[in-house]
Amino acid sequence: MGFVNAFLRSVRCPTLHAVVKEGVNRQIPLRMSHQLLQCRPLMISHCRGNQEKPSAPEKLDLDSWKNILRSATPKTVGEEEETEEETKEESTIESMQKLVDMWRLAGNSVPDCVTTEELQALLQLNTKSSRKKYLKLLMIKELKKKNKQRKKLEKQQSPRDFEIPQRSSTYLVKHRTRSEDYFHAWRCFQAMRFGQPLVFDLAYDHYMSQMELENTVFQLQLSEGFNRKTMDPFHIHFCNLQPNGLYHKQLVKRYEGAWDNLLITATEKSYVDLFPKDQLVYLTADSPNVLKTFDHNKIYIIGAFVDKSQKTGVSLANAKRLQLATARLPLDNFLKWNCGAKNLTLNHVTEILTTVRDTGDWKKALTAVPTRKHLGCWGERETSEKVSNNQKVFSLLKQKARDGQKGD
């Protein structure tokens, strides 16, 4: 290259410029030295690089060819729709399974086994945080199940000390479990004909997340079990229960085949269509009216709604839209709510209503409220304050007597 640069500086040939501009032409006579001819391929390649580059080969559109080949096979409209839906469902479930596996490898709180139903529930969740919370809940349930199985195996493997139980003489004959079930079922059957109705409004599934919905259904199960074992049970109505809806699927899953045998009324109709409006009272914590006495001629409605995010006013707005009377439990009149939230579970509300109906004593009924939410009743608080004041006066008198003795 140094020789070429020195030669180009010393020799200025018009024919060389013609070669550079117009390319190499074999008809043009050139008298160059042998050293210049050795550099000829470099100059030719440089000139060819400046010329127009050849166009890239056209790419084949494989998607169009696939569509043409698929269209060649005749299919009915129903078969095409079914195949498209199946591929979409499989792809989404497979993608969700891959995402769960990736989170498990990343060290997140993910269970070891995830069923297809749980994957479908994950697909219905929109945000990433809600999916992680749901997977964490599944992992906690899986750990509890594993611990239970482990303790069961340890109990089976551990040596047992067989002891003959001592029989206590009693004149009371204990009923069998099946006899107790028949007895409770008979009382529930009588309540369905003559008992006072108690309505649970199941119209809040679109306001809750998957975890809140499962918690709601669990509380409904506890409420139904408590009502079944009372002396005078309510006639429970599950209104606005859509078939194959979220509530219905969770209830069928919870009861494990016993859902069709429950002695309750489960309907997709509204309570407005079943009972007159003047007898309905909607129980909500946002109501300005306080329920002072229990009316046996009224039909009380409880909203099956668990909201950890504190969505206030939803049930009250629903009652106002239907032009129904509203009321709230007299929690402030009997309990000191300095700590804790004023939200009660559905089974606690059912227990409070049952006790008030049977005894008419609100203090006895409100003992069902967990003690972690309040500091006791107002009467107990006043007596405790009196005792504490007397103790303060007694301690002051003691201190004065000691000071007098020291001064003497």
Foldseek 3Di string as FASTA:
>chain_A
DVVVVVVCVVDDDPVVVVCLPVNDDPPDDDDDDPVVVVCVVVSRVVSVVPDDDDDDDDDDDVVVVVVVVVVVDDDDPVVVVVVVVVVVLVVQLVVLVVVLVVCVVVPAQAAPDDDSVNSVLLVVDDDPVLSSVSRNVVSVVVVVVVVVVVVVVVVVPDDDDDDDDDDDDDPDDDDDPVVLVVVLVVLLLVQLVDNAEEEEEPPCPVVDRPVQLLVLLVLVVLQLVVQSPDPHHHQYEYELDDPPDPNNVSNCVVVVPCPVVDSHHYDNHDVVVVDPQVQEEEEDPPDPAADQADDSSHHYYYYSGDDPPPPPDPSVVVCVVVVHHYHYYPCVQWFAQPAADPDDGPNLVSQLNVCCVVPVDNLVSVVSPDCRRTPGTPVVVVVVVVVVVVVVVVVVVVVVVVVVVVVD
